[in-house]
Amino acid sequence: MPITAEAPTAATHAAGADLSQREIEMLREELDELDAEILAAVRRRVEITRRAGLARIGAGLPQVTQHSEMQVLRRFEKELGRDGVSLGMLLLRLGRTGAPRQH
């Protein structure tokens, strides 16, 4: 069941019950700004990964190093738990395949 503004979970309902509509709108705006920052950071990471891979190939090295990728996954797991591993794997995959072009 998707969580919507009309059907908050019990925990979010209790924590946010005293927020005004304007405060909720401000939080939504802040989340939208964070999403834009996250997307920009992901695109930057993909580009840097692509450039590093090309440099490694140019130096006669493998494009990807398993050791580096495992470090990324461990870092994400330490900070975010098991979901962090999934996020890290997605970022690594985007680094190999490139992010889809913006519309």
PDB file of N, CA and C in Angstrom:
ATOM      1  N   MET A   1       0.844  -1.176   0.000  1.00  0.00           N
ATOM      2  CA  MET A   1       0.000   0.000   0.000  1.00  0.00           C
ATOM      3  C   MET A   1       0.881   1.228   0.000  1.00  0.00           C
ATOM      4  N   PRO A   2       0.774   2.102  -0.989  1.00  0.00           N
ATOM      5  CA  PRO A   2       1.609   3.293  -1.020  1.00  0.00           C
ATOM      6  C   PRO A   2       1.227   4.268   0.082  1.00  0.00           C
ATOM      7  N   ILE A   3       2.208   4.942   0.591  1.00  0.00           N
ATOM      8  CA  ILE A   3       1.970   5.959   1.606  1.00  0.00           C
ATOM      9  C   ILE A   3       1.776   7.284   0.888  1.00  0.00           C
ATOM     10  N   THR A   4       0.671   7.933   1.155  1.00  0.00           N
ATOM     11  CA  THR A   4       0.380   9.214   0.515  1.00  0.00           C
ATOM     12  C   THR A   4       0.116  10.259   1.579  1.00  0.00           C
ATOM     13  N   ALA A   5      -0.004  11.502   1.151  1.00  0.00           N
ATOM     14  CA  ALA A   5      -0.310  12.582   2.086  1.00  0.00           C
ATOM     15  C   ALA A   5      -1.667  12.347   2.749  1.00  0.00           C
ATOM     16  N   GLU A   6      -2.585  11.667   2.051  1.00  0.00           N
ATOM     17  CA  GLU A   6      -3.909  11.410   2.602  1.00  0.00           C
ATOM     18  C   GLU A   6      -3.906  10.227   3.582  1.00  0.00           C
ATOM     19  N   ALA A   7      -2.897   9.335   3.487  1.00  0.00           N
ATOM     20  CA  ALA A   7      -2.874   8.139   4.327  1.00  0.00           C
ATOM     21  C   ALA A   7      -1.499   7.950   4.956  1.00  0.00           C
ATOM     22  N   PRO A   8      -1.117   8.853   5.907  1.00  0.00           N
ATOM     23  CA  PRO A   8       0.200   8.699   6.523  1.00  0.00           C
ATOM     24  C   PRO A   8       0.242   7.495   7.454  1.00  0.00           C
ATOM     25  N   THR A   9       1.467   7.012   7.679  1.00  0.00           N
ATOM     26  CA  THR A   9       1.622   5.922   8.640  1.00  0.00           C
ATOM     27  C   THR A   9       1.361   6.464  10.033  1.00  0.00           C
ATOM     28  N   ALA A  10       1.139   5.577  10.994  1.00  0.00           N
ATOM     29  CA  ALA A  10       0.872   5.999  12.364  1.00  0.00           C
ATOM     30  C   ALA A  10       2.021   6.831  12.926  1.00  0.00           C
ATOM     31  N   ALA A  11       3.265   6.413  12.638  1.00  0.00           N
ATOM     32  CA  ALA A  11       4.429   7.136  13.162  1.00  0.00           C
ATOM     33  C   ALA A  11       4.523   8.527  12.561  1.00  0.00           C
ATOM     34  N   THR A  12       4.325   8.654  11.258  1.00  0.00           N
ATOM     35  CA  THR A  12       4.425   9.982  10.651  1.00  0.00           C
ATOM     36  C   THR A  12       3.233  10.830  11.035  1.00  0.00           C
ATOM     37  N   HIS A  13       2.093  10.207  11.240  1.00  0.00           N
ATOM     38  CA  HIS A  13       0.910  10.972  11.633  1.00  0.00           C
ATOM     39  C   HIS A  13       1.124  11.592  13.010  1.00  0.00           C
ATOM     40  N   ALA A  14       1.629  10.802  13.952  1.00  0.00           N
ATOM     41  CA  ALA A  14       1.849  11.306  15.297  1.00  0.00           C
ATOM     42  C   ALA A  14       2.909  12.406  15.311  1.00  0.00           C
ATOM     43  N   ALA A  15       3.981  12.223  14.551  1.00  0.00           N
ATOM     44  CA  ALA A  15       5.073  13.197  14.548  1.00  0.00           C
ATOM     45  C   ALA A  15       4.699  14.468  13.808  1.00  0.00           C
ATOM     46  N   GLY A  16       3.849  14.373  12.803  1.00  0.00           N
ATOM     47  CA  GLY A  16       3.544  15.535  11.981  1.00  0.00           C
ATOM     48  C   GLY A  16       2.170  16.125  12.212  1.00  0.00           C
ATOM     49  N   ALA A  17       1.459  15.663  13.227  1.00  0.00           N
ATOM     50  CA  ALA A  17       0.086  16.097  13.449  1.00  0.00           C
ATOM     51  C   ALA A  17      -0.027  17.588  13.699  1.00  0.00           C
ATOM     52  N   ASP A  18       1.013  18.196  14.255  1.00  0.00           N
ATOM     53  CA  ASP A  18       0.922  19.611  14.598  1.00  0.00           C
ATOM     54  C   ASP A  18       1.512  20.533  13.524  1.00  0.00           C
ATOM     55  N   LEU A  19       1.831  20.003  12.352  1.00  0.00           N
ATOM     56  CA  LEU A  19       2.382  20.829  11.282  1.00  0.00           C
ATOM     57  C   LEU A  19       1.259  21.514  10.508  1.00  0.00           C
ATOM     58  N   SER A  20       1.487  22.779  10.182  1.00  0.00           N
ATOM     59  CA  SER A  20       0.519  23.501   9.363  1.00  0.00           C
ATOM     60  C   SER A  20       0.706  23.120   7.907  1.00  0.00           C
ATOM     61  N   GLN A  21      -0.281  23.439   7.095  1.00  0.00           N
ATOM     62  CA  GLN A  21      -0.181  23.157   5.664  1.00  0.00           C
ATOM     63  C   GLN A  21       1.034  23.853   5.077  1.00  0.00           C
ATOM     64  N   ARG A  22       1.308  25.082   5.495  1.00  0.00           N
ATOM     65  CA  ARG A  22       2.478  25.824   4.984  1.00  0.00           C
ATOM     66  C   ARG A  22       3.779  25.127   5.378  1.00  0.00           C
ATOM     67  N   GLU A  23       3.860  24.627   6.603  1.00  0.00           N
ATOM     68  CA  GLU A  23       5.070  23.910   7.042  1.00  0.00           C
ATOM     69  C   GLU A  23       5.267  22.639   6.224  1.00  0.00           C
ATOM     70  N   ILE A  24       4.173  21.960   5.919  1.00  0.00           N
ATOM     71  CA  ILE A  24       4.252  20.751   5.091  1.00  0.00           C
ATOM     72  C   ILE A  24       4.745  21.114   3.697  1.00  0.00           C
ATOM     73  N   GLU A  25       4.235  22.193   3.130  1.00  0.00           N
ATOM     74  CA  GLU A  25       4.680  22.653   1.810  1.00  0.00           C
ATOM     75  C   GLU A  25       6.158  23.013   1.827  1.00  0.00           C
ATOM     76  N   MET A  26       6.620  23.649   2.902  1.00  0.00           N
ATOM     77  CA  MET A  26       8.041  24.013   3.019  1.00  0.00           C
ATOM     78  C   MET A  26       8.909  22.758   3.089  1.00  0.00           C
ATOM     79  N   LEU A  27       8.451  21.745   3.814  1.00  0.00           N
ATOM     80  CA  LEU A  27       9.194  20.482   3.876  1.00  0.00           C
ATOM     81  C   LEU A  27       9.249  19.832   2.504  1.00  0.00           C
ATOM     82  N   ARG A  28       8.148  19.863   1.770  1.00  0.00           N
ATOM     83  CA  ARG A  28       8.118  19.293   0.424  1.00  0.00           C
ATOM     84  C   ARG A  28       9.097  20.016  -0.490  1.00  0.00           C
ATOM     85  N   GLU A  29       9.141  21.353  -0.370  1.00  0.00           N
ATOM     86  CA  GLU A  29      10.082  22.143  -1.166  1.00  0.00           C
ATOM     87  C   GLU A  29      11.524  21.784  -0.822  1.00  0.00           C
ATOM     88  N   GLU A  30      11.791  21.605   0.469  1.00  0.00           N
ATOM     89  CA  GLU A  30      13.140  21.224   0.889  1.00  0.00           C
ATOM     90  C   GLU A  30      13.507  19.844   0.354  1.00  0.00           C
ATOM     91  N   LEU A  31      12.554  18.911   0.387  1.00  0.00           N
ATOM     92  CA  LEU A  31      12.800  17.584  -0.171  1.00  0.00           C
ATOM     93  C   LEU A  31      13.061  17.661  -1.670  1.00  0.00           C
ATOM     94  N   ASP A  32      12.309  18.502  -2.376  1.00  0.00           N
ATOM     95  CA  ASP A  32      12.533  18.680  -3.814  1.00  0.00           C
ATOM     96  C   ASP A  32      13.938  19.210  -4.089  1.00  0.00           C
ATOM     97  N   GLU A  33      14.398  20.154  -3.263  1.00  0.00           N
ATOM     98  CA  GLU A  33      15.759  20.684  -3.409  1.00  0.00           C
ATOM     99  C   GLU A  33      16.797  19.599  -3.149  1.00  0.00           C
ATOM    100  N   LEU A  34      16.578  18.805  -2.111  1.00  0.00           N
ATOM    101  CA  LEU A  34      17.506  17.701  -1.816  1.00  0.00           C
ATOM    102  C   LEU A  34      17.537  16.697  -2.955  1.00  0.00           C
ATOM    103  N   ASP A  35      16.370  16.380  -3.512  1.00  0.00           N
ATOM    104  CA  ASP A  35      16.327  15.454  -4.649  1.00  0.00           C
ATOM    105  C   ASP A  35      17.147  15.994  -5.812  1.00  0.00           C
ATOM    106  N   ALA A  36      17.035  17.285  -6.082  1.00  0.00           N
ATOM    107  CA  ALA A  36      17.805  17.891  -7.175  1.00  0.00           C
ATOM    108  C   ALA A  36      19.304  17.801  -6.888  1.00  0.00           C
ATOM    109  N   GLU A  37      19.705  18.042  -5.637  1.00  0.00           N
ATOM    110  CA  GLU A  37      21.117  17.935  -5.260  1.00  0.00           C
ATOM    111  C   GLU A  37      21.609  16.496  -5.397  1.00  0.00           C
ATOM    112  N   ILE A  38      20.799  15.538  -4.966  1.00  0.00           N
ATOM    113  CA  ILE A  38      21.178  14.125  -5.058  1.00  0.00           C
ATOM    114  C   ILE A  38      21.350  13.728  -6.513  1.00  0.00           C
ATOM    115  N   LEU A  39      20.400  14.115  -7.354  1.00  0.00           N
ATOM    116  CA  LEU A  39      20.495  13.776  -8.777  1.00  0.00           C
ATOM    117  C   LEU A  39      21.724  14.406  -9.418  1.00  0.00           C
ATOM    118  N   ALA A  40      22.023  15.655  -9.065  1.00  0.00           N
ATOM    119  CA  ALA A  40      23.219  16.308  -9.612  1.00  0.00           C
ATOM    120  C   ALA A  40      24.478  15.586  -9.136  1.00  0.00           C
ATOM    121  N   ALA A  41      24.502  15.171  -7.880  1.00  0.00           N
ATOM    122  CA  ALA A  41      25.668  14.460  -7.348  1.00  0.00           C
ATOM    123  C   ALA A  41      25.835  13.099  -8.023  1.00  0.00           C
ATOM    124  N   VAL A  42      24.731  12.411  -8.275  1.00  0.00           N
ATOM    125  CA  VAL A  42      24.809  11.107  -8.946  1.00  0.00           C
ATOM    126  C   VAL A  42      25.346  11.292 -10.363  1.00  0.00           C
ATOM    127  N   ARG A  43      24.837  12.273 -11.082  1.00  0.00           N
ATOM    128  CA  ARG A  43      25.327  12.519 -12.441  1.00  0.00           C
ATOM    129  C   ARG A  43      26.819  12.881 -12.430  1.00  0.00           C
ATOM    130  N   ARG A  44      27.226  13.668 -11.447  1.00  0.00           N
ATOM    131  CA  ARG A  44      28.655  14.027 -11.326  1.00  0.00           C
ATOM    132  C   ARG A  44      29.485  12.781 -11.036  1.00  0.00           C
ATOM    133  N   ARG A  45      28.994  11.924 -10.144  1.00  0.00           N
ATOM    134  CA  ARG A  45      29.711  10.689  -9.806  1.00  0.00           C
ATOM    135  C   ARG A  45      29.845   9.789 -11.034  1.00  0.00           C
ATOM    136  N   VAL A  46      28.766   9.671 -11.807  1.00  0.00           N
ATOM    137  CA  VAL A  46      28.799   8.854 -13.023  1.00  0.00           C
ATOM    138  C   VAL A  46      29.849   9.393 -13.984  1.00  0.00           C
ATOM    139  N   GLU A  47      29.896  10.699 -14.168  1.00  0.00           N
ATOM    140  CA  GLU A  47      30.870  11.295 -15.093  1.00  0.00           C
ATOM    141  C   GLU A  47      32.304  11.080 -14.604  1.00  0.00           C
ATOM    142  N   ILE A  48      32.541  11.270 -13.320  1.00  0.00           N
ATOM    143  CA  ILE A  48      33.891  11.060 -12.778  1.00  0.00           C
ATOM    144  C   ILE A  48      34.292   9.594 -12.901  1.00  0.00           C
ATOM    145  N   THR A  49      33.361   8.683 -12.626  1.00  0.00           N
ATOM    146  CA  THR A  49      33.636   7.257 -12.767  1.00  0.00           C
ATOM    147  C   THR A  49      33.986   6.919 -14.211  1.00  0.00           C
ATOM    148  N   ARG A  50      33.241   7.481 -15.146  1.00  0.00           N
ATOM    149  CA  ARG A  50      33.502   7.236 -16.565  1.00  0.00           C
ATOM    150  C   ARG A  50      34.895   7.726 -16.940  1.00  0.00           C
ATOM    151  N   ARG A  51      35.257   8.928 -16.508  1.00  0.00           N
ATOM    152  CA  ARG A  51      36.581   9.483 -16.811  1.00  0.00           C
ATOM    153  C   ARG A  51      37.685   8.647 -16.181  1.00  0.00           C
ATOM    154  N   ALA A  52      37.489   8.203 -14.935  1.00  0.00           N
ATOM    155  CA  ALA A  52      38.499   7.379 -14.260  1.00  0.00           C
ATOM    156  C   ALA A  52      38.662   6.041 -14.984  1.00  0.00           C
ATOM    157  N   GLY A  53      37.549   5.459 -15.414  1.00  0.00           N
ATOM    158  CA  GLY A  53      37.615   4.191 -16.146  1.00  0.00           C
ATOM    159  C   GLY A  53      38.379   4.334 -17.449  1.00  0.00           C
ATOM    160  N   LEU A  54      38.122   5.418 -18.166  1.00  0.00           N
ATOM    161  CA  LEU A  54      38.845   5.658 -19.419  1.00  0.00           C
ATOM    162  C   LEU A  54      40.339   5.868 -19.161  1.00  0.00           C
ATOM    163  N   ALA A  55      40.662   6.562 -18.081  1.00  0.00           N
ATOM    164  CA  ALA A  55      42.073   6.782 -17.736  1.00  0.00           C
ATOM    165  C   ALA A  55      42.753   5.453 -17.391  1.00  0.00           C
ATOM    166  N   ARG A  56      42.042   4.589 -16.658  1.00  0.00           N
ATOM    167  CA  ARG A  56      42.603   3.285 -16.303  1.00  0.00           C
ATOM    168  C   ARG A  56      42.848   2.458 -17.556  1.00  0.00           C
ATOM    169  N   ILE A  57      41.881   2.465 -18.477  1.00  0.00           N
ATOM    170  CA  ILE A  57      42.043   1.723 -19.731  1.00  0.00           C
ATOM    171  C   ILE A  57      43.231   2.282 -20.508  1.00  0.00           C
ATOM    172  N   GLY A  58      43.342   3.609 -20.551  1.00  0.00           N
ATOM    173  CA  GLY A  58      44.463   4.250 -21.250  1.00  0.00           C
ATOM    174  C   GLY A  58      45.814   3.877 -20.670  1.00  0.00           C
ATOM    175  N   ALA A  59      45.828   3.568 -19.374  1.00  0.00           N
ATOM    176  CA  ALA A  59      47.070   3.168 -18.708  1.00  0.00           C
ATOM    177  C   ALA A  59      47.294   1.665 -18.779  1.00  0.00           C
ATOM    178  N   GLY A  60      46.426   0.967 -19.504  1.00  0.00           N
ATOM    179  CA  GLY A  60      46.582  -0.478 -19.635  1.00  0.00           C
ATOM    180  C   GLY A  60      46.071  -1.268 -18.442  1.00  0.00           C
ATOM    181  N   LEU A  61      45.233  -0.653 -17.630  1.00  0.00           N
ATOM    182  CA  LEU A  61      44.678  -1.316 -16.444  1.00  0.00           C
ATOM    183  C   LEU A  61      43.219  -1.707 -16.706  1.00  0.00           C
ATOM    184  N   PRO A  62      42.680  -2.581 -15.873  1.00  0.00           N
ATOM    185  CA  PRO A  62      41.251  -2.901 -16.019  1.00  0.00           C
ATOM    186  C   PRO A  62      40.407  -1.651 -15.739  1.00  0.00           C
ATOM    187  N   GLN A  63      39.281  -1.562 -16.414  1.00  0.00           N
ATOM    188  CA  GLN A  63      38.407  -0.400 -16.224  1.00  0.00           C
ATOM    189  C   GLN A  63      37.863  -0.342 -14.801  1.00  0.00           C
ATOM    190  N   VAL A  64      37.562  -1.489 -14.219  1.00  0.00           N
ATOM    191  CA  VAL A  64      36.936  -1.573 -12.901  1.00  0.00           C
ATOM    192  C   VAL A  64      37.848  -2.364 -11.975  1.00  0.00           C
ATOM    193  N   THR A  65      37.939  -1.911 -10.717  1.00  0.00           N
ATOM    194  CA  THR A  65      38.685  -2.687  -9.726  1.00  0.00           C
ATOM    195  C   THR A  65      37.715  -3.186  -8.666  1.00  0.00           C
ATOM    196  N   GLN A  66      37.697  -4.471  -8.495  1.00  0.00           N
ATOM    197  CA  GLN A  66      36.777  -5.083  -7.547  1.00  0.00           C
ATOM    198  C   GLN A  66      37.041  -4.587  -6.130  1.00  0.00           C
ATOM    199  N   HIS A  67      38.304  -4.383  -5.787  1.00  0.00           N
ATOM    200  CA  HIS A  67      38.656  -3.909  -4.451  1.00  0.00           C
ATOM    201  C   HIS A  67      38.002  -2.558  -4.168  1.00  0.00           C
ATOM    202  N   SER A  68      38.072  -1.625  -5.113  1.00  0.00           N
ATOM    203  CA  SER A  68      37.472  -0.301  -4.936  1.00  0.00           C
ATOM    204  C   SER A  68      35.964  -0.402  -4.783  1.00  0.00           C
ATOM    205  N   GLU A  69      35.369  -1.246  -5.615  1.00  0.00           N
ATOM    206  CA  GLU A  69      33.916  -1.385  -5.554  1.00  0.00           C
ATOM    207  C   GLU A  69      33.480  -1.972  -4.217  1.00  0.00           C
ATOM    208  N   MET A  70      34.223  -2.920  -3.693  1.00  0.00           N
ATOM    209  CA  MET A  70      33.885  -3.501  -2.390  1.00  0.00           C
ATOM    210  C   MET A  70      34.011  -2.455  -1.285  1.00  0.00           C
ATOM    211  N   GLN A  71      34.995  -1.569  -1.394  1.00  0.00           N
ATOM    212  CA  GLN A  71      35.131  -0.491  -0.412  1.00  0.00           C
ATOM    213  C   GLN A  71      33.905   0.419  -0.435  1.00  0.00           C
ATOM    214  N   VAL A  72      33.431   0.732  -1.644  1.00  0.00           N
ATOM    215  CA  VAL A  72      32.230   1.560  -1.774  1.00  0.00           C
ATOM    216  C   VAL A  72      31.048   0.878  -1.092  1.00  0.00           C
ATOM    217  N   LEU A  73      30.864  -0.405  -1.378  1.00  0.00           N
ATOM    218  CA  LEU A  73      29.731  -1.133  -0.800  1.00  0.00           C
ATOM    219  C   LEU A  73      29.830  -1.216   0.716  1.00  0.00           C
ATOM    220  N   ARG A  74      31.030  -1.442   1.239  1.00  0.00           N
ATOM    221  CA  ARG A  74      31.204  -1.482   2.699  1.00  0.00           C
ATOM    222  C   ARG A  74      30.884  -0.128   3.330  1.00  0.00           C
ATOM    223  N   ARG A  75      31.319   0.946   2.689  1.00  0.00           N
ATOM    224  CA  ARG A  75      31.051   2.298   3.204  1.00  0.00           C
ATOM    225  C   ARG A  75      29.544   2.572   3.241  1.00  0.00           C
ATOM    226  N   PHE A  76      28.858   2.220   2.160  1.00  0.00           N
ATOM    227  CA  PHE A  76      27.422   2.452   2.102  1.00  0.00           C
ATOM    228  C   PHE A  76      26.679   1.576   3.109  1.00  0.00           C
ATOM    229  N   GLU A  77      27.137   0.337   3.283  1.00  0.00           N
ATOM    230  CA  GLU A  77      26.505  -0.542   4.272  1.00  0.00           C
ATOM    231  C   GLU A  77      26.710  -0.006   5.679  1.00  0.00           C
ATOM    232  N   LYS A  78      27.903   0.474   5.970  1.00  0.00           N
ATOM    233  CA  LYS A  78      28.190   1.010   7.298  1.00  0.00           C
ATOM    234  C   LYS A  78      27.282   2.199   7.609  1.00  0.00           C
ATOM    235  N   GLU A  79      27.074   3.053   6.626  1.00  0.00           N
ATOM    236  CA  GLU A  79      26.278   4.259   6.844  1.00  0.00           C
ATOM    237  C   GLU A  79      24.772   4.027   6.769  1.00  0.00           C
ATOM    238  N   LEU A  80      24.342   3.100   5.902  1.00  0.00           N
ATOM    239  CA  LEU A  80      22.914   2.972   5.617  1.00  0.00           C
ATOM    240  C   LEU A  80      22.349   1.567   5.797  1.00  0.00           C
ATOM    241  N   GLY A  81      23.184   0.622   6.217  1.00  0.00           N
ATOM    242  CA  GLY A  81      22.702  -0.744   6.397  1.00  0.00           C
ATOM    243  C   GLY A  81      22.559  -1.459   5.060  1.00  0.00           C
ATOM    244  N   ARG A  82      21.735  -2.518   5.051  1.00  0.00           N
ATOM    245  CA  ARG A  82      21.574  -3.345   3.839  1.00  0.00           C
ATOM    246  C   ARG A  82      21.055  -2.543   2.652  1.00  0.00           C
ATOM    247  N   ASP A  83      20.169  -1.579   2.894  1.00  0.00           N
ATOM    248  CA  ASP A  83      19.690  -0.748   1.786  1.00  0.00           C
ATOM    249  C   ASP A  83      20.821   0.077   1.197  1.00  0.00           C
ATOM    250  N   GLY A  84      21.809   0.400   2.016  1.00  0.00           N
ATOM    251  CA  GLY A  84      22.975   1.123   1.514  1.00  0.00           C
ATOM    252  C   GLY A  84      23.744   0.318   0.484  1.00  0.00           C
ATOM    253  N   VAL A  85      23.798  -1.008   0.690  1.00  0.00           N
ATOM    254  CA  VAL A  85      24.468  -1.878  -0.279  1.00  0.00           C
ATOM    255  C   VAL A  85      23.738  -1.795  -1.618  1.00  0.00           C
ATOM    256  N   SER A  86      22.418  -1.840  -1.575  1.00  0.00           N
ATOM    257  CA  SER A  86      21.632  -1.738  -2.816  1.00  0.00           C
ATOM    258  C   SER A  86      21.880  -0.400  -3.506  1.00  0.00           C
ATOM    259  N   LEU A  87      21.909   0.660  -2.728  1.00  0.00           N
ATOM    260  CA  LEU A  87      22.172   1.979  -3.306  1.00  0.00           C
ATOM    261  C   LEU A  87      23.575   2.035  -3.892  1.00  0.00           C
ATOM    262  N   GLY A  88      24.549   1.498  -3.176  1.00  0.00           N
ATOM    263  CA  GLY A  88      25.920   1.475  -3.670  1.00  0.00           C
ATOM    264  C   GLY A  88      26.038   0.677  -4.958  1.00  0.00           C
ATOM    265  N   MET A  89      25.357  -0.462  -5.023  1.00  0.00           N
ATOM    266  CA  MET A  89      25.403  -1.285  -6.237  1.00  0.00           C
ATOM    267  C   MET A  89      24.785  -0.537  -7.418  1.00  0.00           C
ATOM    268  N   LEU A  90      23.716   0.184  -7.165  1.00  0.00           N
ATOM    269  CA  LEU A  90      23.094   0.973  -8.227  1.00  0.00           C
ATOM    270  C   LEU A  90      24.042   2.063  -8.717  1.00  0.00           C
ATOM    271  N   LEU A  91      24.703   2.742  -7.805  1.00  0.00           N
ATOM    272  CA  LEU A  91      25.659   3.780  -8.197  1.00  0.00           C
ATOM    273  C   LEU A  91      26.820   3.188  -9.003  1.00  0.00           C
ATOM    274  N   LEU A  92      27.303   2.026  -8.571  1.00  0.00           N
ATOM    275  CA  LEU A  92      28.387   1.379  -9.310  1.00  0.00           C
ATOM    276  C   LEU A  92      27.929   0.988 -10.713  1.00  0.00           C
ATOM    277  N   ARG A  93      26.708   0.467 -10.810  1.00  0.00           N
ATOM    278  CA  ARG A  93      26.184   0.083 -12.125  1.00  0.00           C
ATOM    279  C   ARG A  93      26.012   1.311 -13.020  1.00  0.00           C
ATOM    280  N   LEU A  94      25.499   2.399 -12.468  1.00  0.00           N
ATOM    281  CA  LEU A  94      25.371   3.631 -13.248  1.00  0.00           C
ATOM    282  C   LEU A  94      26.732   4.128 -13.712  1.00  0.00           C
ATOM    283  N   GLY A  95      27.754   3.938 -12.886  1.00  0.00           N
ATOM    284  CA  GLY A  95      29.103   4.341 -13.271  1.00  0.00           C
ATOM    285  C   GLY A  95      29.625   3.551 -14.455  1.00  0.00           C
ATOM    286  N   ARG A  96      29.167   2.314 -14.585  1.00  0.00           N
ATOM    287  CA  ARG A  96      29.602   1.473 -15.709  1.00  0.00           C
ATOM    288  C   ARG A  96      28.783   1.744 -16.968  1.00  0.00           C
ATOM    289  N   THR A  97      27.508   1.999 -16.794  1.00  0.00           N
ATOM    290  CA  THR A  97      26.594   2.109 -17.940  1.00  0.00           C
ATOM    291  C   THR A  97      26.286   3.557 -18.316  1.00  0.00           C
ATOM    292  N   GLY A  98      26.522   4.474 -17.392  1.00  0.00           N
ATOM    293  CA  GLY A  98      26.183   5.872 -17.633  1.00  0.00           C
ATOM    294  C   GLY A  98      24.754   6.148 -17.206  1.00  0.00           C
ATOM    295  N   ALA A  99      24.531   7.370 -16.768  1.00  0.00           N
ATOM    296  CA  ALA A  99      23.182   7.773 -16.370  1.00  0.00           C
ATOM    297  C   ALA A  99      22.384   8.100 -17.613  1.00  0.00           C
ATOM    298  N   PRO A 100      21.091   7.831 -17.580  1.00  0.00           N
ATOM    299  CA  PRO A 100      20.260   8.220 -18.726  1.00  0.00           C
ATOM    300  C   PRO A 100      20.342   9.733 -18.945  1.00  0.00           C
ATOM    301  N   ARG A 101      20.198  10.119 -20.179  1.00  0.00           N
ATOM    302  CA  ARG A 101      20.264  11.551 -20.504  1.00  0.00           C
ATOM    303  C   ARG A 101      19.068  12.272 -19.918  1.00  0.00           C
ATOM    304  N   GLN A 102      19.300  13.551 -19.563  1.00  0.00           N
ATOM    305  CA  GLN A 102      18.205  14.381 -19.048  1.00  0.00           C
ATOM    306  C   GLN A 102      17.284  14.741 -20.205  1.00  0.00           C
ATOM    307  N   HIS A 103      16.032  14.912 -19.873  1.00  0.00           N
ATOM    308  CA  HIS A 103      15.034  15.288 -20.892  1.00  0.00           C
ATOM    309  C   HIS A 103      15.160  16.735 -21.246  1.00  0.00           C
TER     310      HIS A 103
END
